Amino acid sequence: MRVAAASWKLRKIRGDSEFFGHLYDLVEAAHGQDVDLLVLPELFVLELLHLEPDLAERKVPRYLVQYQQALEEWLVRISSSSGIMLVAGSHFREHQGGIVNTCAIAEPGLPLTFGPKNNLTTYEREVWGLYPGSGLARPARPRIGVTVCYD
């Protein structure tokens, strides 16, 4: 298995299309190198905060969770079209009444698998008000394991 890790520089963007375009460019580059699995960094979605520069810190998760559906749909499409498995860093996701920091795992032709962050930092708990996950991700093809940050 050929694995690549993406280095993500947080840039000032003018629209979410630049964010998704950058994702596309990284997947395209990985595809050009015959990569089987591309790993993205934790909370790469923080780049989207440039679109709302005056946002209070405690409102960050609620703001970013609005991109959950678009991001997850995009990951399924790009994984299937490229044939690359994506360990999509992590993003904020609405789950059972709260917001969790979760890693989406996209496998070509399969639904997403989610690996929530179980052990939150003090900042994630007290400022962002995130909920912890429980357990580990179980991808359909058990070739990999994924944990997020403190886990």
N, C-alpha and C. Protein backbone atom coordinates (compact mmCIF):
# COMPACT_ATOMS: atom_id res chain seq x y z
N MET A 1 0.86 -1.18 0.00
CA MET A 1 0.00 0.00 0.00
C MET A 1 0.89 1.23 0.00
N ARG A 2 0.61 2.14 -0.90
CA ARG A 2 1.37 3.39 -0.99
C ARG A 2 0.58 4.48 -0.27
N VAL A 3 1.19 5.09 0.75
CA VAL A 3 0.54 6.07 1.61
C VAL A 3 1.21 7.43 1.47
N ALA A 4 0.38 8.49 1.46
CA ALA A 4 0.90 9.86 1.44
C ALA A 4 0.21 10.66 2.53
N ALA A 5 0.94 11.55 3.14
CA ALA A 5 0.39 12.47 4.14
C ALA A 5 0.41 13.87 3.55
N ALA A 6 -0.73 14.53 3.59
CA ALA A 6 -0.84 15.88 3.03
C ALA A 6 -0.42 16.91 4.07
N SER A 7 0.36 17.86 3.62
CA SER A 7 0.73 19.00 4.45
C SER A 7 -0.22 20.12 4.07
N TRP A 8 -0.98 20.60 5.04
CA TRP A 8 -2.02 21.59 4.76
C TRP A 8 -1.64 22.91 5.39
N LYS A 9 -1.42 23.91 4.56
CA LYS A 9 -1.13 25.25 5.06
C LYS A 9 -2.45 26.01 5.10
N LEU A 10 -2.81 26.55 6.27
CA LEU A 10 -4.03 27.35 6.38
C LEU A 10 -3.82 28.65 5.63
N ARG A 11 -4.67 28.87 4.63
CA ARG A 11 -4.54 30.04 3.76
C ARG A 11 -5.73 30.96 3.96
N LYS A 12 -5.59 32.19 3.59
CA LYS A 12 -6.72 33.11 3.57
C LYS A 12 -7.49 32.84 2.29
N ILE A 13 -8.71 32.38 2.45
CA ILE A 13 -9.52 32.06 1.29
C ILE A 13 -10.68 33.03 1.20
N ARG A 14 -11.21 33.18 -0.01
CA ARG A 14 -12.33 34.11 -0.22
C ARG A 14 -13.66 33.39 -0.34
N GLY A 15 -13.61 32.06 -0.47
CA GLY A 15 -14.84 31.30 -0.60
C GLY A 15 -14.58 29.82 -0.37
N ASP A 16 -15.63 29.07 -0.05
CA ASP A 16 -15.43 27.66 0.22
C ASP A 16 -14.99 26.89 -1.03
N SER A 17 -15.22 27.45 -2.22
CA SER A 17 -14.76 26.78 -3.44
C SER A 17 -13.23 26.69 -3.46
N GLU A 18 -12.54 27.66 -2.88
CA GLU A 18 -11.07 27.59 -2.80
C GLU A 18 -10.64 26.45 -1.88
N PHE A 19 -11.36 26.26 -0.80
CA PHE A 19 -11.09 25.17 0.14
C PHE A 19 -11.23 23.82 -0.57
N PHE A 20 -12.38 23.62 -1.24
CA PHE A 20 -12.62 22.36 -1.92
C PHE A 20 -11.68 22.19 -3.12
N GLY A 21 -11.31 23.27 -3.76
CA GLY A 21 -10.35 23.21 -4.85
C GLY A 21 -8.98 22.74 -4.38
N HIS A 22 -8.59 23.22 -3.20
CA HIS A 22 -7.31 22.80 -2.64
C HIS A 22 -7.33 21.30 -2.32
N LEU A 23 -8.44 20.84 -1.76
CA LEU A 23 -8.60 19.40 -1.49
C LEU A 23 -8.45 18.60 -2.78
N TYR A 24 -9.12 19.07 -3.81
CA TYR A 24 -9.05 18.40 -5.10
C TYR A 24 -7.61 18.32 -5.60
N ASP A 25 -6.89 19.44 -5.49
CA ASP A 25 -5.49 19.47 -5.95
C ASP A 25 -4.63 18.46 -5.20
N LEU A 26 -4.85 18.32 -3.89
CA LEU A 26 -4.08 17.35 -3.11
C LEU A 26 -4.38 15.92 -3.53
N VAL A 27 -5.66 15.62 -3.76
CA VAL A 27 -6.03 14.28 -4.19
C VAL A 27 -5.48 14.01 -5.60
N GLU A 28 -5.56 15.00 -6.47
CA GLU A 28 -5.03 14.84 -7.83
C GLU A 28 -3.52 14.57 -7.80
N ALA A 29 -2.80 15.29 -6.95
CA ALA A 29 -1.36 15.07 -6.84
C ALA A 29 -1.07 13.67 -6.31
N ALA A 30 -1.84 13.22 -5.33
CA ALA A 30 -1.67 11.87 -4.78
C ALA A 30 -1.97 10.83 -5.86
N HIS A 31 -3.02 11.06 -6.63
CA HIS A 31 -3.38 10.14 -7.71
C HIS A 31 -2.25 10.05 -8.73
N GLY A 32 -1.63 11.16 -9.03
CA GLY A 32 -0.52 11.19 -9.98
C GLY A 32 0.71 10.44 -9.48
N GLN A 33 0.78 10.21 -8.18
CA GLN A 33 1.90 9.47 -7.58
C GLN A 33 1.51 8.03 -7.25
N ASP A 34 0.37 7.58 -7.78
CA ASP A 34 -0.13 6.21 -7.54
C ASP A 34 -0.32 5.89 -6.06
N VAL A 35 -0.81 6.87 -5.31
CA VAL A 35 -1.06 6.69 -3.88
C VAL A 35 -2.35 5.89 -3.69
N ASP A 36 -2.34 4.99 -2.72
CA ASP A 36 -3.52 4.19 -2.38
C ASP A 36 -4.31 4.82 -1.23
N LEU A 37 -3.60 5.50 -0.34
CA LEU A 37 -4.22 6.09 0.85
C LEU A 37 -3.61 7.47 1.10
N LEU A 38 -4.48 8.48 1.21
CA LEU A 38 -4.03 9.85 1.49
C LEU A 38 -4.55 10.26 2.86
N VAL A 39 -3.64 10.72 3.71
CA VAL A 39 -3.99 11.16 5.07
C VAL A 39 -3.97 12.68 5.12
N LEU A 40 -5.10 13.26 5.56
CA LEU A 40 -5.21 14.71 5.74
C LEU A 40 -5.05 15.04 7.22
N PRO A 41 -4.67 16.27 7.56
CA PRO A 41 -4.43 16.62 8.97
C PRO A 41 -5.71 16.86 9.76
N GLU A 42 -5.57 16.74 11.07
CA GLU A 42 -6.69 17.02 11.98
C GLU A 42 -7.16 18.46 11.80
N LEU A 43 -8.46 18.64 11.76
CA LEU A 43 -9.13 19.94 11.69
C LEU A 43 -8.62 20.84 10.56
N PHE A 44 -8.34 20.27 9.41
CA PHE A 44 -7.95 21.08 8.25
C PHE A 44 -9.07 22.04 7.87
N VAL A 45 -10.29 21.78 8.34
CA VAL A 45 -11.43 22.66 8.05
C VAL A 45 -11.31 24.02 8.72
N LEU A 46 -10.35 24.19 9.62
CA LEU A 46 -10.17 25.49 10.27
C LEU A 46 -9.87 26.58 9.25
N GLU A 47 -9.39 26.19 8.08
CA GLU A 47 -9.14 27.17 7.02
C GLU A 47 -10.41 27.93 6.67
N LEU A 48 -11.57 27.30 6.81
CA LEU A 48 -12.84 27.94 6.48
C LEU A 48 -13.17 29.10 7.42
N LEU A 49 -12.47 29.21 8.53
CA LEU A 49 -12.70 30.32 9.46
C LEU A 49 -12.32 31.66 8.85
N HIS A 50 -11.49 31.66 7.83
CA HIS A 50 -11.15 32.91 7.14
C HIS A 50 -12.38 33.56 6.51
N LEU A 51 -13.42 32.77 6.31
CA LEU A 51 -14.65 33.30 5.71
C LEU A 51 -15.50 34.06 6.72
N GLU A 52 -15.19 33.89 8.01
CA GLU A 52 -15.94 34.55 9.09
C GLU A 52 -14.93 35.04 10.13
N PRO A 53 -14.13 36.07 9.82
CA PRO A 53 -13.00 36.46 10.66
C PRO A 53 -13.37 36.99 12.05
N ASP A 54 -14.57 37.46 12.25
CA ASP A 54 -14.95 38.02 13.56
C ASP A 54 -15.71 37.04 14.43
N LEU A 55 -15.67 35.79 14.10
CA LEU A 55 -16.40 34.76 14.83
C LEU A 55 -15.81 34.55 16.22
N ALA A 56 -16.66 34.52 17.24
CA ALA A 56 -16.21 34.24 18.61
C ALA A 56 -15.75 32.79 18.69
N GLU A 57 -14.70 32.55 19.47
CA GLU A 57 -14.11 31.21 19.59
C GLU A 57 -15.13 30.13 19.94
N ARG A 58 -16.04 30.44 20.86
CA ARG A 58 -17.00 29.43 21.30
C ARG A 58 -18.00 29.05 20.20
N LYS A 59 -18.08 29.87 19.15
CA LYS A 59 -19.01 29.60 18.06
C LYS A 59 -18.37 28.86 16.88
N VAL A 60 -17.09 28.59 16.98
CA VAL A 60 -16.36 27.94 15.87
C VAL A 60 -16.97 26.59 15.48
N PRO A 61 -17.21 25.67 16.41
CA PRO A 61 -17.77 24.37 15.99
C PRO A 61 -19.12 24.49 15.30
N ARG A 62 -20.02 25.33 15.82
CA ARG A 62 -21.34 25.50 15.22
C ARG A 62 -21.21 26.09 13.82
N TYR A 63 -20.29 27.02 13.63
CA TYR A 63 -20.07 27.61 12.31
C TYR A 63 -19.56 26.55 11.33
N LEU A 64 -18.55 25.79 11.74
CA LEU A 64 -17.93 24.83 10.83
C LEU A 64 -18.79 23.60 10.56
N VAL A 65 -19.70 23.27 11.47
CA VAL A 65 -20.53 22.09 11.25
C VAL A 65 -21.46 22.28 10.05
N GLN A 66 -21.67 23.52 9.63
CA GLN A 66 -22.49 23.76 8.44
C GLN A 66 -21.87 23.16 7.18
N TYR A 67 -20.57 22.90 7.21
CA TYR A 67 -19.88 22.32 6.05
C TYR A 67 -19.85 20.79 6.09
N GLN A 68 -20.38 20.20 7.14
CA GLN A 68 -20.34 18.75 7.34
C GLN A 68 -20.87 18.00 6.12
N GLN A 69 -22.07 18.27 5.71
CA GLN A 69 -22.68 17.51 4.62
C GLN A 69 -21.91 17.68 3.31
N ALA A 70 -21.58 18.91 2.96
CA ALA A 70 -20.85 19.15 1.71
C ALA A 70 -19.50 18.44 1.72
N LEU A 71 -18.80 18.50 2.85
CA LEU A 71 -17.49 17.86 2.95
C LEU A 71 -17.62 16.34 2.83
N GLU A 72 -18.57 15.77 3.56
CA GLU A 72 -18.72 14.33 3.55
C GLU A 72 -19.14 13.82 2.17
N GLU A 73 -20.03 14.52 1.50
CA GLU A 73 -20.43 14.13 0.15
C GLU A 73 -19.25 14.23 -0.81
N TRP A 74 -18.46 15.29 -0.66
CA TRP A 74 -17.29 15.50 -1.51
C TRP A 74 -16.29 14.35 -1.31
N LEU A 75 -16.05 13.95 -0.05
CA LEU A 75 -15.09 12.88 0.24
C LEU A 75 -15.51 11.57 -0.42
N VAL A 76 -16.79 11.25 -0.37
CA VAL A 76 -17.29 10.03 -1.00
C VAL A 76 -17.05 10.08 -2.50
N ARG A 77 -17.40 11.21 -3.12
CA ARG A 77 -17.25 11.35 -4.58
C ARG A 77 -15.79 11.28 -5.01
N ILE A 78 -14.93 12.03 -4.35
CA ILE A 78 -13.54 12.10 -4.80
C ILE A 78 -12.80 10.79 -4.53
N SER A 79 -13.14 10.10 -3.46
CA SER A 79 -12.53 8.81 -3.18
C SER A 79 -12.92 7.80 -4.26
N SER A 80 -14.20 7.78 -4.60
CA SER A 80 -14.67 6.84 -5.62
C SER A 80 -14.11 7.17 -7.00
N SER A 81 -14.07 8.45 -7.36
CA SER A 81 -13.59 8.81 -8.69
C SER A 81 -12.08 8.65 -8.84
N SER A 82 -11.34 8.83 -7.74
CA SER A 82 -9.88 8.73 -7.81
C SER A 82 -9.37 7.32 -7.50
N GLY A 83 -10.19 6.52 -6.81
CA GLY A 83 -9.75 5.20 -6.38
C GLY A 83 -8.84 5.24 -5.17
N ILE A 84 -8.76 6.39 -4.50
CA ILE A 84 -7.88 6.57 -3.34
C ILE A 84 -8.70 6.53 -2.05
N MET A 85 -8.20 5.80 -1.05
CA MET A 85 -8.79 5.83 0.28
C MET A 85 -8.31 7.11 0.96
N LEU A 86 -9.24 7.84 1.56
CA LEU A 86 -8.90 9.10 2.23
C LEU A 86 -9.14 8.97 3.73
N VAL A 87 -8.12 9.23 4.51
CA VAL A 87 -8.28 9.41 5.95
C VAL A 87 -8.34 10.91 6.10
N ALA A 88 -9.57 11.41 6.23
CA ALA A 88 -9.82 12.84 6.04
C ALA A 88 -9.60 13.67 7.29
N GLY A 89 -8.44 13.53 7.88
CA GLY A 89 -8.10 14.37 9.03
C GLY A 89 -9.21 14.35 10.04
N SER A 90 -9.82 15.48 10.29
CA SER A 90 -11.03 15.51 11.10
C SER A 90 -11.79 16.80 10.80
N HIS A 91 -13.06 16.76 11.15
CA HIS A 91 -13.93 17.91 10.98
C HIS A 91 -14.99 17.86 12.07
N PHE A 92 -15.74 18.93 12.18
CA PHE A 92 -16.82 18.95 13.18
C PHE A 92 -18.06 18.33 12.57
N ARG A 93 -18.72 17.49 13.38
CA ARG A 93 -19.89 16.76 12.91
C ARG A 93 -20.97 16.75 13.98
N GLU A 94 -22.18 17.05 13.56
CA GLU A 94 -23.33 16.97 14.46
C GLU A 94 -23.62 15.49 14.70
N HIS A 95 -23.71 15.10 15.97
CA HIS A 95 -23.93 13.69 16.29
C HIS A 95 -24.66 13.57 17.62
N GLN A 96 -25.85 13.01 17.58
CA GLN A 96 -26.65 12.76 18.78
C GLN A 96 -26.74 13.98 19.70
N GLY A 97 -27.12 15.11 19.12
CA GLY A 97 -27.38 16.30 19.92
C GLY A 97 -26.17 17.14 20.28
N GLY A 98 -24.99 16.74 19.85
CA GLY A 98 -23.79 17.51 20.15
C GLY A 98 -22.86 17.52 18.95
N ILE A 99 -21.78 18.24 19.09
CA ILE A 99 -20.80 18.32 18.01
C ILE A 99 -19.55 17.56 18.44
N VAL A 100 -19.07 16.70 17.55
CA VAL A 100 -17.87 15.93 17.81
C VAL A 100 -16.80 16.27 16.78
N ASN A 101 -15.56 16.10 17.17
CA ASN A 101 -14.42 16.19 16.25
C ASN A 101 -14.22 14.78 15.74
N THR A 102 -14.47 14.56 14.47
CA THR A 102 -14.45 13.19 13.95
C THR A 102 -13.65 13.09 12.66
N CYS A 103 -13.05 11.96 12.46
CA CYS A 103 -12.30 11.67 11.25
C CYS A 103 -13.18 10.83 10.34
N ALA A 104 -13.37 11.30 9.11
CA ALA A 104 -14.10 10.52 8.11
C ALA A 104 -13.09 9.71 7.30
N ILE A 105 -13.42 8.45 7.08
CA ILE A 105 -12.58 7.58 6.27
C ILE A 105 -13.39 7.23 5.03
N ALA A 106 -12.89 7.65 3.88
CA ALA A 106 -13.57 7.42 2.61
C ALA A 106 -12.85 6.31 1.85
N GLU A 107 -13.60 5.27 1.54
CA GLU A 107 -13.07 4.16 0.75
C GLU A 107 -13.82 4.12 -0.57
N PRO A 108 -13.11 3.96 -1.67
CA PRO A 108 -13.78 3.98 -2.98
C PRO A 108 -14.97 3.02 -3.04
N GLY A 109 -16.14 3.58 -3.42
CA GLY A 109 -17.33 2.77 -3.61
C GLY A 109 -18.06 2.37 -2.35
N LEU A 110 -17.63 2.88 -1.19
CA LEU A 110 -18.26 2.50 0.09
C LEU A 110 -18.72 3.74 0.84
N PRO A 111 -19.67 3.56 1.77
CA PRO A 111 -20.06 4.69 2.60
C PRO A 111 -18.92 5.10 3.54
N LEU A 112 -18.98 6.32 4.05
CA LEU A 112 -17.96 6.80 4.97
C LEU A 112 -17.99 6.01 6.28
N THR A 113 -16.82 5.88 6.87
CA THR A 113 -16.67 5.36 8.22
C THR A 113 -16.21 6.55 9.07
N PHE A 114 -16.71 6.65 10.30
CA PHE A 114 -16.34 7.78 11.16
C PHE A 114 -15.60 7.31 12.40
N GLY A 115 -14.50 8.00 12.68
CA GLY A 115 -13.72 7.75 13.89
C GLY A 115 -13.72 8.99 14.74
N PRO A 116 -14.56 9.04 15.77
CA PRO A 116 -14.62 10.25 16.60
C PRO A 116 -13.41 10.36 17.53
N LYS A 117 -13.09 11.58 17.87
CA LYS A 117 -12.03 11.82 18.85
C LYS A 117 -12.62 11.54 20.23
N ASN A 118 -12.00 10.63 20.96
CA ASN A 118 -12.52 10.20 22.25
C ASN A 118 -12.02 11.03 23.42
N ASN A 119 -10.77 11.42 23.38
CA ASN A 119 -10.15 12.15 24.48
C ASN A 119 -9.92 13.60 24.07
N LEU A 120 -10.79 14.46 24.54
CA LEU A 120 -10.75 15.87 24.15
C LEU A 120 -9.75 16.66 24.97
N THR A 121 -9.23 17.71 24.35
CA THR A 121 -8.39 18.65 25.09
C THR A 121 -9.29 19.51 25.98
N THR A 122 -8.70 20.18 26.93
CA THR A 122 -9.45 21.09 27.79
C THR A 122 -10.13 22.17 26.95
N TYR A 123 -9.44 22.68 25.96
CA TYR A 123 -9.98 23.73 25.09
C TYR A 123 -11.20 23.22 24.34
N GLU A 124 -11.11 22.02 23.80
CA GLU A 124 -12.25 21.45 23.06
C GLU A 124 -13.48 21.29 23.95
N ARG A 125 -13.24 20.90 25.19
CA ARG A 125 -14.36 20.71 26.14
C ARG A 125 -14.91 22.04 26.64
N GLU A 126 -14.02 22.91 27.13
CA GLU A 126 -14.47 24.11 27.84
C GLU A 126 -14.81 25.29 26.93
N VAL A 127 -14.07 25.49 25.86
CA VAL A 127 -14.32 26.63 24.98
C VAL A 127 -15.26 26.23 23.84
N TRP A 128 -14.94 25.13 23.17
CA TRP A 128 -15.76 24.72 22.03
C TRP A 128 -17.00 23.92 22.43
N GLY A 129 -17.01 23.34 23.62
CA GLY A 129 -18.17 22.57 24.07
C GLY A 129 -18.40 21.30 23.27
N LEU A 130 -17.33 20.68 22.80
CA LEU A 130 -17.47 19.45 22.02
C LEU A 130 -17.81 18.26 22.91
N TYR A 131 -18.39 17.26 22.30
CA TYR A 131 -18.70 16.01 22.97
C TYR A 131 -17.63 14.98 22.58
N PRO A 132 -17.22 14.14 23.54
CA PRO A 132 -16.25 13.10 23.19
C PRO A 132 -16.92 11.95 22.45
N GLY A 133 -16.16 11.28 21.62
CA GLY A 133 -16.64 10.07 21.00
C GLY A 133 -16.39 8.89 21.92
N SER A 134 -16.70 7.70 21.42
CA SER A 134 -16.39 6.49 22.18
C SER A 134 -16.09 5.38 21.18
N GLY A 135 -14.98 4.75 21.35
CA GLY A 135 -14.63 3.64 20.48
C GLY A 135 -13.73 4.04 19.34
N LEU A 136 -13.43 3.05 18.51
CA LEU A 136 -12.54 3.24 17.38
C LEU A 136 -13.30 3.08 16.07
N ALA A 137 -12.75 3.67 15.02
CA ALA A 137 -13.34 3.52 13.69
C ALA A 137 -13.10 2.10 13.20
N ARG A 138 -14.07 1.59 12.47
CA ARG A 138 -13.94 0.25 11.89
C ARG A 138 -14.22 0.33 10.40
N PRO A 139 -13.19 0.65 9.62
CA PRO A 139 -13.39 0.74 8.17
C PRO A 139 -13.84 -0.60 7.59
N ALA A 140 -14.56 -0.54 6.47
CA ALA A 140 -15.08 -1.75 5.83
C ALA A 140 -13.95 -2.70 5.44
N ARG A 141 -12.87 -2.12 4.97
CA ARG A 141 -11.71 -2.93 4.61
C ARG A 141 -10.70 -2.78 5.74
N PRO A 142 -10.63 -3.76 6.62
CA PRO A 142 -9.82 -3.59 7.84
C PRO A 142 -8.32 -3.64 7.62
N ARG A 143 -7.83 -2.72 6.81
CA ARG A 143 -6.39 -2.65 6.55
C ARG A 143 -5.74 -1.56 7.38
N ILE A 144 -6.54 -0.68 7.95
CA ILE A 144 -5.97 0.44 8.67
C ILE A 144 -6.71 0.65 9.98
N GLY A 145 -6.09 1.40 10.86
CA GLY A 145 -6.72 1.87 12.08
C GLY A 145 -6.48 3.36 12.18
N VAL A 146 -7.42 4.08 12.75
CA VAL A 146 -7.34 5.54 12.83
C VAL A 146 -7.68 6.01 14.24
N THR A 147 -6.82 6.85 14.78
CA THR A 147 -7.15 7.57 16.01
C THR A 147 -6.87 9.04 15.76
N VAL A 148 -7.49 9.90 16.56
CA VAL A 148 -7.34 11.34 16.39
C VAL A 148 -6.63 11.93 17.61
N CYS A 149 -5.54 12.62 17.40
CA CYS A 149 -4.83 13.41 18.39
C CYS A 149 -4.55 12.66 19.68
N TYR A 150 -5.19 13.05 20.79
CA TYR A 150 -4.90 12.47 22.12
C TYR A 150 -5.25 10.99 22.24
N ASP A 151 -6.06 10.47 21.31
CA ASP A 151 -6.48 9.07 21.41
C ASP A 151 -5.29 8.15 21.20
